[in-house]
Amino acid sequence: MMSEARQRKTLDHRQQQEFCAIVSRGCSRTTAARYLGVSLRTVRNTLEAVPRFREELGRAETLNEIRNLHHIQQAGQREQYWRAAAWVLERLYPDRYAAREPRSFTAEQLGELLAQFAEAILQEVPDQRLRRRIRKRLARLARKGGSSGQS
């Protein structure tokens, strides 16, 4: 039988540093893993096992985001590059600025509609125990992010 340590391969310290450096330049985790010749499972194992790596990777991803936003905002300050500023608004505040199909819902609007729908259904169920069961099931669905799952 294979030992737990062998089953859960992790990145060594040098690989962790290189992984973070690659991500900080704008590459995805998938690209960084491919470059290092490791699987995403190995990266996930390391993230679970090494809190410091989790922190460093978060900083690397944030650094890349900040750097890119800075460049876009710098370009957006020049009138001829107004699209750069519009791009930032569309992506940071999509509910307010992104183009949407007519008669489409934002995530917030859809969540409110579903909450009203659930409440209407619960008001029609006279049995208190059944209402509690339905509420628990709806809460489980909400925690799963709406993914379907049988219980």
Protein backbone atom coordinates (compact mmCIF):
# COMPACT_ATOMS: atom_id res chain seq x y z
CA MET A 1 0.00 0.00 0.00
CA MET A 2 1.35 3.42 -0.95
CA SER A 3 2.13 5.77 1.93
CA GLU A 4 0.21 9.02 2.47
CA ALA A 5 3.41 11.02 1.83
CA ARG A 6 3.91 9.39 -1.57
CA GLN A 7 0.28 9.93 -2.55
CA ARG A 8 0.36 13.64 -1.70
CA LYS A 9 3.31 15.02 -3.63
CA THR A 10 4.14 18.69 -2.95
CA LEU A 11 6.35 21.38 -4.47
CA ASP A 12 9.75 21.92 -2.84
CA HIS A 13 10.74 25.42 -1.69
CA ARG A 14 12.52 26.31 -4.95
CA GLN A 15 9.52 25.18 -7.01
CA GLN A 16 7.19 27.22 -4.79
CA GLN A 17 9.27 30.35 -5.38
CA GLU A 18 9.46 29.75 -9.12
CA PHE A 19 5.71 29.04 -9.29
CA CYS A 20 4.94 32.34 -7.54
CA ALA A 21 7.36 34.24 -9.80
CA ILE A 22 5.68 32.87 -12.93
CA VAL A 23 2.19 33.71 -11.65
CA SER A 24 3.27 37.23 -10.63
CA ARG A 25 4.18 37.88 -14.28
CA GLY A 26 0.63 37.12 -15.39
CA CYS A 27 0.60 33.40 -16.14
CA SER A 28 -2.18 31.16 -14.89
CA ARG A 29 -1.63 28.46 -12.30
CA THR A 30 -2.06 25.90 -15.08
CA THR A 31 0.71 27.49 -17.16
CA ALA A 32 3.04 27.75 -14.16
CA ALA A 33 2.45 24.09 -13.28
CA ARG A 34 3.06 23.03 -16.87
CA TYR A 35 6.31 25.04 -16.96
CA LEU A 36 7.53 23.32 -13.78
CA GLY A 37 6.40 19.91 -15.03
CA VAL A 38 4.03 19.28 -12.13
CA SER A 39 0.32 18.61 -11.87
CA LEU A 40 -2.28 21.00 -10.53
CA ARG A 41 -3.00 18.38 -7.87
CA THR A 42 0.59 18.77 -6.64
CA VAL A 43 0.05 22.55 -6.49
CA ARG A 44 -3.22 22.06 -4.56
CA ASN A 45 -1.50 19.63 -2.17
CA THR A 46 1.19 22.22 -1.52
CA LEU A 47 -1.39 24.96 -0.97
CA GLU A 48 -3.11 22.78 1.62
CA ALA A 49 0.12 21.73 3.34
CA VAL A 50 2.18 24.94 3.27
CA PRO A 51 0.44 28.09 4.59
CA ARG A 52 3.39 30.26 3.59
CA PHE A 53 3.05 29.15 -0.06
CA ARG A 54 -0.67 29.93 0.06
CA GLU A 55 0.15 33.48 1.26
CA GLU A 56 2.94 34.01 -1.28
CA LEU A 57 0.81 32.78 -4.16
CA GLY A 58 -2.02 35.10 -3.11
CA ARG A 59 0.43 38.02 -3.12
CA ALA A 60 1.82 36.99 -6.51
CA GLU A 61 -1.66 36.91 -8.05
CA THR A 62 -2.54 40.24 -6.45
CA LEU A 63 0.71 41.85 -7.62
CA ASN A 64 -0.06 40.92 -11.22
CA GLU A 65 -3.59 42.31 -10.91
CA ILE A 66 -2.38 45.58 -9.37
CA ARG A 67 0.33 46.00 -12.01
CA ASN A 68 -2.11 45.49 -14.88
CA LEU A 69 -4.76 47.76 -13.40
CA HIS A 70 -2.11 50.46 -12.91
CA HIS A 71 -1.10 50.28 -16.57
CA ILE A 72 -4.71 50.42 -17.73
CA GLN A 73 -5.50 53.35 -15.43
CA GLN A 74 -2.39 55.21 -16.63
CA ALA A 75 -3.53 54.75 -20.23
CA GLY A 76 -7.09 55.78 -19.33
CA GLN A 77 -5.85 59.16 -18.07
CA ARG A 78 -5.02 60.14 -21.64
CA GLU A 79 -8.19 61.16 -23.43
CA GLN A 80 -7.48 59.17 -26.59
CA TYR A 81 -7.27 55.98 -24.49
CA TRP A 82 -10.62 56.38 -22.71
CA ARG A 83 -11.43 52.76 -23.61
CA ALA A 84 -8.87 51.61 -21.05
CA ALA A 85 -10.84 53.34 -18.28
CA ALA A 86 -14.11 51.93 -19.66
CA TRP A 87 -12.56 48.45 -19.70
CA VAL A 88 -11.65 48.70 -16.01
CA LEU A 89 -15.16 49.85 -15.06
CA GLU A 90 -16.76 47.04 -17.07
CA ARG A 91 -14.67 44.41 -15.35
CA LEU A 92 -14.55 45.76 -11.81
CA TYR A 93 -18.23 46.74 -11.71
CA PRO A 94 -19.94 44.53 -14.29
CA ASP A 95 -23.38 44.93 -12.70
CA ARG A 96 -23.25 48.64 -13.46
CA TYR A 97 -21.03 49.01 -16.53
CA ALA A 98 -20.76 45.77 -18.53
CA ALA A 99 -22.88 45.37 -21.63
CA ARG A 100 -25.71 42.92 -21.07
CA GLU A 101 -28.24 41.27 -23.28
CA PRO A 102 -31.66 42.90 -23.12
CA ARG A 103 -33.92 41.44 -20.43
CA SER A 104 -31.04 39.66 -18.68
CA PHE A 105 -30.54 39.47 -14.92
CA THR A 106 -27.53 40.30 -12.78
CA ALA A 107 -26.47 37.67 -10.24
CA GLU A 108 -27.89 39.86 -7.47
CA GLN A 109 -31.25 40.21 -9.23
CA LEU A 110 -31.40 36.46 -9.88
CA GLY A 111 -30.59 35.72 -6.23
CA GLU A 112 -33.38 38.03 -5.07
CA LEU A 113 -35.84 36.46 -7.50
CA LEU A 114 -34.94 32.95 -6.31
CA ALA A 115 -35.30 34.00 -2.66
CA GLN A 116 -38.79 35.38 -3.39
CA PHE A 117 -39.68 32.22 -5.29
CA ALA A 118 -38.54 30.00 -2.41
CA GLU A 119 -40.46 32.08 0.13
CA ALA A 120 -43.64 31.87 -1.98
CA ILE A 121 -43.32 28.08 -2.11
CA LEU A 122 -42.69 27.82 1.63
CA GLN A 123 -45.77 29.92 2.41
CA GLU A 124 -47.90 27.37 0.53
CA VAL A 125 -46.61 24.39 2.54
CA PRO A 126 -48.79 23.97 5.64
CA ASP A 127 -46.68 21.27 7.34
CA GLN A 128 -44.05 22.91 9.61
CA ARG A 129 -41.70 19.88 9.46
CA LEU A 130 -41.85 19.81 5.67
CA ARG A 131 -41.10 23.57 5.53
CA ARG A 132 -38.02 23.02 7.73
CA ARG A 133 -36.82 20.20 5.45
CA ILE A 134 -37.29 22.38 2.37
CA ARG A 135 -35.44 25.28 4.04
CA LYS A 136 -32.51 23.00 4.93
CA ARG A 137 -32.35 21.66 1.39
CA LEU A 138 -32.44 25.18 -0.08
CA ALA A 139 -29.67 26.24 2.31
CA ARG A 140 -27.54 23.27 1.17
CA LEU A 141 -28.12 24.25 -2.46
CA ALA A 142 -27.14 27.84 -1.71
CA ARG A 143 -23.90 26.69 -0.01
CA LYS A 144 -23.04 24.58 -3.06
CA GLY A 145 -23.44 27.65 -5.24
CA GLY A 146 -26.47 26.24 -6.99
CA SER A 147 -24.73 23.10 -8.29
CA SER A 148 -27.09 20.17 -8.50
CA GLY A 149 -26.65 17.36 -6.06
CA GLN A 150 -28.90 14.62 -4.78
CA SER A 151 -29.27 14.05 -1.07
